[in-house]
Amino acid sequence: MTKFTTEMGRDLMGFLDNKGLLEFGSVIMGDDVRDRIGIEYPETANRATFNALALTELAAVDYVRNTLLGHGKYLSQSNGDYRILLPSENLRQCERYIRNATKKLNRSLKLSRNTPDIERKEFDNMSVRAMMKKESIRE
């Protein structure tokens, strides 16, 4: 079973660059990604095997995704394939990131509020920081 390495991510990035697939709107076939990083999903296997293969693919794609963010590009996934969003689609992805951050801040605040009083003293400063972050996202 193949385990993700940084070199695997660099190799995938170089492969996509050489194929001209790092431009806005480019469609990257999932099979090409999986072939390049050396994983093949078997017809039958246990859940752990499928999870390990999926995590390897996710890690390699995440390496490319994080690199592309520095160039104003986002690599989205749909039905096992990938596409680099158009600049006009980036706002929607940014809003999605903000929604996810807000959800996590709300969960943090809920956990903090509902922690028993004996332990709450430790949470007071954290709650204030979470509320400030939540307010700054709104603005």
C-alpha atoms as a PDB file:
ATOM      1  CA  MET A   1       0.000   0.000   0.000  1.00  0.00           C
ATOM      2  CA  THR A   2       1.332   3.446  -0.956  1.00  0.00           C
ATOM      3  CA  LYS A   3       1.767   6.019   1.783  1.00  0.00           C
ATOM      4  CA  PHE A   4       1.954   9.749   0.982  1.00  0.00           C
ATOM      5  CA  THR A   5       5.304  11.484   0.926  1.00  0.00           C
ATOM      6  CA  THR A   6       6.112  15.111   0.180  1.00  0.00           C
ATOM      7  CA  GLU A   7       8.063  13.907  -2.836  1.00  0.00           C
ATOM      8  CA  MET A   8       4.851  12.322  -4.134  1.00  0.00           C
ATOM      9  CA  GLY A   9       3.106  15.693  -3.907  1.00  0.00           C
ATOM     10  CA  ARG A  10       5.978  17.456  -5.678  1.00  0.00           C
ATOM     11  CA  ASP A  11       5.962  14.809  -8.385  1.00  0.00           C
ATOM     12  CA  LEU A  12       2.212  15.210  -8.911  1.00  0.00           C
ATOM     13  CA  MET A  13       2.627  18.987  -9.061  1.00  0.00           C
ATOM     14  CA  GLY A  14       5.407  18.680 -11.660  1.00  0.00           C
ATOM     15  CA  PHE A  15       3.378  16.202 -13.692  1.00  0.00           C
ATOM     16  CA  LEU A  16       0.368  18.527 -13.779  1.00  0.00           C
ATOM     17  CA  ASP A  17       2.574  21.489 -14.666  1.00  0.00           C
ATOM     18  CA  ASN A  18       4.232  19.592 -17.534  1.00  0.00           C
ATOM     19  CA  LYS A  19       0.816  18.605 -18.882  1.00  0.00           C
ATOM     20  CA  GLY A  20      -0.391  22.235 -18.734  1.00  0.00           C
ATOM     21  CA  LEU A  21      -3.093  21.311 -16.219  1.00  0.00           C
ATOM     22  CA  LEU A  22      -2.439  24.064 -13.672  1.00  0.00           C
ATOM     23  CA  GLU A  23      -4.321  26.779 -15.552  1.00  0.00           C
ATOM     24  CA  PHE A  24      -7.691  28.217 -14.517  1.00  0.00           C
ATOM     25  CA  GLY A  25     -10.498  25.910 -15.631  1.00  0.00           C
ATOM     26  CA  SER A  26      -8.260  22.882 -16.211  1.00  0.00           C
ATOM     27  CA  VAL A  27      -9.889  19.509 -15.631  1.00  0.00           C
ATOM     28  CA  ILE A  28      -7.673  16.853 -14.105  1.00  0.00           C
ATOM     29  CA  MET A  29      -8.875  13.294 -14.368  1.00  0.00           C
ATOM     30  CA  GLY A  30      -8.831  11.443 -11.063  1.00  0.00           C
ATOM     31  CA  ASP A  31      -7.434   8.355 -12.770  1.00  0.00           C
ATOM     32  CA  ASP A  32      -4.415  10.396 -13.930  1.00  0.00           C
ATOM     33  CA  VAL A  33      -3.824  11.579 -10.359  1.00  0.00           C
ATOM     34  CA  ARG A  34      -4.117   8.067  -8.962  1.00  0.00           C
ATOM     35  CA  ASP A  35      -1.843   6.628 -11.677  1.00  0.00           C
ATOM     36  CA  ARG A  36       0.783   9.283 -11.023  1.00  0.00           C
ATOM     37  CA  ILE A  37       0.865   8.738  -7.264  1.00  0.00           C
ATOM     38  CA  GLY A  38       0.792   4.977  -7.707  1.00  0.00           C
ATOM     39  CA  ILE A  39      -2.483   3.970  -6.125  1.00  0.00           C
ATOM     40  CA  GLU A  40      -5.130   1.670  -7.484  1.00  0.00           C
ATOM     41  CA  TYR A  41      -8.430   1.014  -5.802  1.00  0.00           C
ATOM     42  CA  PRO A  42      -9.132  -2.745  -5.741  1.00  0.00           C
ATOM     43  CA  GLU A  43     -12.496  -4.232  -6.637  1.00  0.00           C
ATOM     44  CA  THR A  44     -12.836  -5.609  -3.124  1.00  0.00           C
ATOM     45  CA  ALA A  45     -10.945  -4.851   0.064  1.00  0.00           C
ATOM     46  CA  ASN A  46     -11.599  -4.072   3.680  1.00  0.00           C
ATOM     47  CA  ARG A  47     -12.552  -0.606   4.835  1.00  0.00           C
ATOM     48  CA  ALA A  48      -9.064   0.115   6.223  1.00  0.00           C
ATOM     49  CA  THR A  49      -7.514  -0.481   2.792  1.00  0.00           C
ATOM     50  CA  PHE A  50      -9.954   1.859   1.041  1.00  0.00           C
ATOM     51  CA  ASN A  51      -9.482   4.495   3.745  1.00  0.00           C
ATOM     52  CA  ALA A  52      -5.690   4.315   3.477  1.00  0.00           C
ATOM     53  CA  LEU A  53      -5.806   4.688  -0.312  1.00  0.00           C
ATOM     54  CA  ALA A  54      -8.257   7.593  -0.078  1.00  0.00           C
ATOM     55  CA  LEU A  55      -6.053   9.339   2.495  1.00  0.00           C
ATOM     56  CA  THR A  56      -3.008   8.965   0.249  1.00  0.00           C
ATOM     57  CA  GLU A  57      -4.899  10.507  -2.664  1.00  0.00           C
ATOM     58  CA  LEU A  58      -6.264  13.267  -0.445  1.00  0.00           C
ATOM     59  CA  ALA A  59      -2.802  14.110   0.900  1.00  0.00           C
ATOM     60  CA  ALA A  60      -1.292  14.332  -2.592  1.00  0.00           C
ATOM     61  CA  VAL A  61      -4.154  16.475  -3.874  1.00  0.00           C
ATOM     62  CA  ASP A  62      -3.987  18.632  -0.744  1.00  0.00           C
ATOM     63  CA  TYR A  63      -0.291  19.280  -1.441  1.00  0.00           C
ATOM     64  CA  VAL A  64      -1.213  20.544  -4.928  1.00  0.00           C
ATOM     65  CA  ARG A  65      -4.205  22.463  -3.568  1.00  0.00           C
ATOM     66  CA  ASN A  66      -2.109  24.272  -0.945  1.00  0.00           C
ATOM     67  CA  THR A  67       0.524  25.171  -3.530  1.00  0.00           C
ATOM     68  CA  LEU A  68      -2.109  26.521  -5.920  1.00  0.00           C
ATOM     69  CA  LEU A  69      -3.697  28.681  -3.213  1.00  0.00           C
ATOM     70  CA  GLY A  70      -0.500  30.747  -3.289  1.00  0.00           C
ATOM     71  CA  HIS A  71      -1.221  31.451  -6.962  1.00  0.00           C
ATOM     72  CA  GLY A  72      -4.860  32.414  -6.442  1.00  0.00           C
ATOM     73  CA  LYS A  73      -6.140  29.066  -7.677  1.00  0.00           C
ATOM     74  CA  TYR A  74      -8.347  26.471  -5.992  1.00  0.00           C
ATOM     75  CA  LEU A  75      -8.435  22.788  -6.920  1.00  0.00           C
ATOM     76  CA  SER A  76     -11.962  21.462  -6.478  1.00  0.00           C
ATOM     77  CA  GLN A  77     -13.128  17.861  -6.618  1.00  0.00           C
ATOM     78  CA  SER A  78     -16.220  16.451  -8.252  1.00  0.00           C
ATOM     79  CA  ASN A  79     -17.097  12.808  -8.864  1.00  0.00           C
ATOM     80  CA  GLY A  80     -13.522  11.608  -8.473  1.00  0.00           C
ATOM     81  CA  ASP A  81     -12.045  14.165 -10.865  1.00  0.00           C
ATOM     82  CA  TYR A  82     -10.578  17.607 -10.177  1.00  0.00           C
ATOM     83  CA  ARG A  83     -10.857  21.090 -11.671  1.00  0.00           C
ATOM     84  CA  ILE A  84      -9.074  24.363 -11.049  1.00  0.00           C
ATOM     85  CA  LEU A  85     -11.748  26.952 -10.422  1.00  0.00           C
ATOM     86  CA  LEU A  86     -12.024  30.023 -12.623  1.00  0.00           C
ATOM     87  CA  PRO A  87     -11.151  33.332 -10.935  1.00  0.00           C
ATOM     88  CA  SER A  88     -14.866  34.170 -10.976  1.00  0.00           C
ATOM     89  CA  GLU A  89     -15.536  31.064  -8.850  1.00  0.00           C
ATOM     90  CA  ASN A  90     -12.951  31.866  -6.162  1.00  0.00           C
ATOM     91  CA  LEU A  91     -15.326  34.125  -4.208  1.00  0.00           C
ATOM     92  CA  ARG A  92     -17.702  31.213  -3.673  1.00  0.00           C
ATOM     93  CA  GLN A  93     -14.833  29.068  -2.350  1.00  0.00           C
ATOM     94  CA  CYS A  94     -13.678  31.887  -0.046  1.00  0.00           C
ATOM     95  CA  GLU A  95     -17.224  32.151   1.324  1.00  0.00           C
ATOM     96  CA  ARG A  96     -17.238  28.379   1.886  1.00  0.00           C
ATOM     97  CA  TYR A  97     -13.988  28.663   3.883  1.00  0.00           C
ATOM     98  CA  ILE A  98     -15.513  31.432   6.008  1.00  0.00           C
ATOM     99  CA  ARG A  99     -18.689  29.393   6.653  1.00  0.00           C
ATOM    100  CA  ASN A 100     -16.592  26.421   7.746  1.00  0.00           C
ATOM    101  CA  ALA A 101     -14.479  28.622  10.027  1.00  0.00           C
ATOM    102  CA  THR A 102     -17.625  30.118  11.547  1.00  0.00           C
ATOM    103  CA  LYS A 103     -19.070  26.639  12.185  1.00  0.00           C
ATOM    104  CA  LYS A 104     -15.892  25.566  13.963  1.00  0.00           C
ATOM    105  CA  LEU A 105     -15.828  28.752  16.051  1.00  0.00           C
ATOM    106  CA  ASN A 106     -19.461  28.147  17.028  1.00  0.00           C
ATOM    107  CA  ARG A 107     -18.608  24.592  18.079  1.00  0.00           C
ATOM    108  CA  SER A 108     -15.681  25.879  20.121  1.00  0.00           C
ATOM    109  CA  LEU A 109     -17.909  28.405  21.875  1.00  0.00           C
ATOM    110  CA  LYS A 110     -20.588  25.783  22.537  1.00  0.00           C
ATOM    111  CA  LEU A 111     -18.038  23.410  24.068  1.00  0.00           C
ATOM    112  CA  SER A 112     -16.582  26.240  26.136  1.00  0.00           C
ATOM    113  CA  ARG A 113     -19.993  27.375  27.425  1.00  0.00           C
ATOM    114  CA  ASN A 114     -21.006  23.850  28.362  1.00  0.00           C
ATOM    115  CA  THR A 115     -17.796  22.781  30.097  1.00  0.00           C
ATOM    116  CA  PRO A 116     -18.407  22.224  33.845  1.00  0.00           C
ATOM    117  CA  ASP A 117     -17.650  25.239  36.054  1.00  0.00           C
ATOM    118  CA  ILE A 118     -14.709  23.555  37.743  1.00  0.00           C
ATOM    119  CA  GLU A 119     -12.798  23.610  34.461  1.00  0.00           C
ATOM    120  CA  ARG A 120     -14.234  26.831  32.996  1.00  0.00           C
ATOM    121  CA  LYS A 121     -11.622  29.203  34.397  1.00  0.00           C
ATOM    122  CA  GLU A 122      -9.185  27.852  31.834  1.00  0.00           C
ATOM    123  CA  PHE A 123     -11.689  28.562  29.032  1.00  0.00           C
ATOM    124  CA  ASP A 124     -12.468  32.242  29.711  1.00  0.00           C
ATOM    125  CA  ASN A 125      -9.569  33.620  27.679  1.00  0.00           C
ATOM    126  CA  MET A 126     -10.161  31.111  24.868  1.00  0.00           C
ATOM    127  CA  SER A 127     -13.843  32.072  24.647  1.00  0.00           C
ATOM    128  CA  VAL A 128     -12.992  35.748  24.295  1.00  0.00           C
ATOM    129  CA  ARG A 129     -10.481  34.945  21.528  1.00  0.00           C
ATOM    130  CA  ALA A 130     -13.055  32.801  19.705  1.00  0.00           C
ATOM    131  CA  MET A 131     -15.700  35.531  19.923  1.00  0.00           C
ATOM    132  CA  MET A 132     -13.233  38.123  18.602  1.00  0.00           C
ATOM    133  CA  LYS A 133     -12.353  35.878  15.650  1.00  0.00           C
ATOM    134  CA  LYS A 134     -16.031  35.281  14.936  1.00  0.00           C
ATOM    135  CA  GLU A 135     -16.721  39.041  14.974  1.00  0.00           C
ATOM    136  CA  SER A 136     -13.765  39.747  12.684  1.00  0.00           C
ATOM    137  CA  ILE A 137     -15.092  37.180  10.173  1.00  0.00           C
ATOM    138  CA  ARG A 138     -18.458  38.953  10.110  1.00  0.00           C
ATOM    139  CA  GLU A 139     -16.809  42.266   9.321  1.00  0.00           C
END
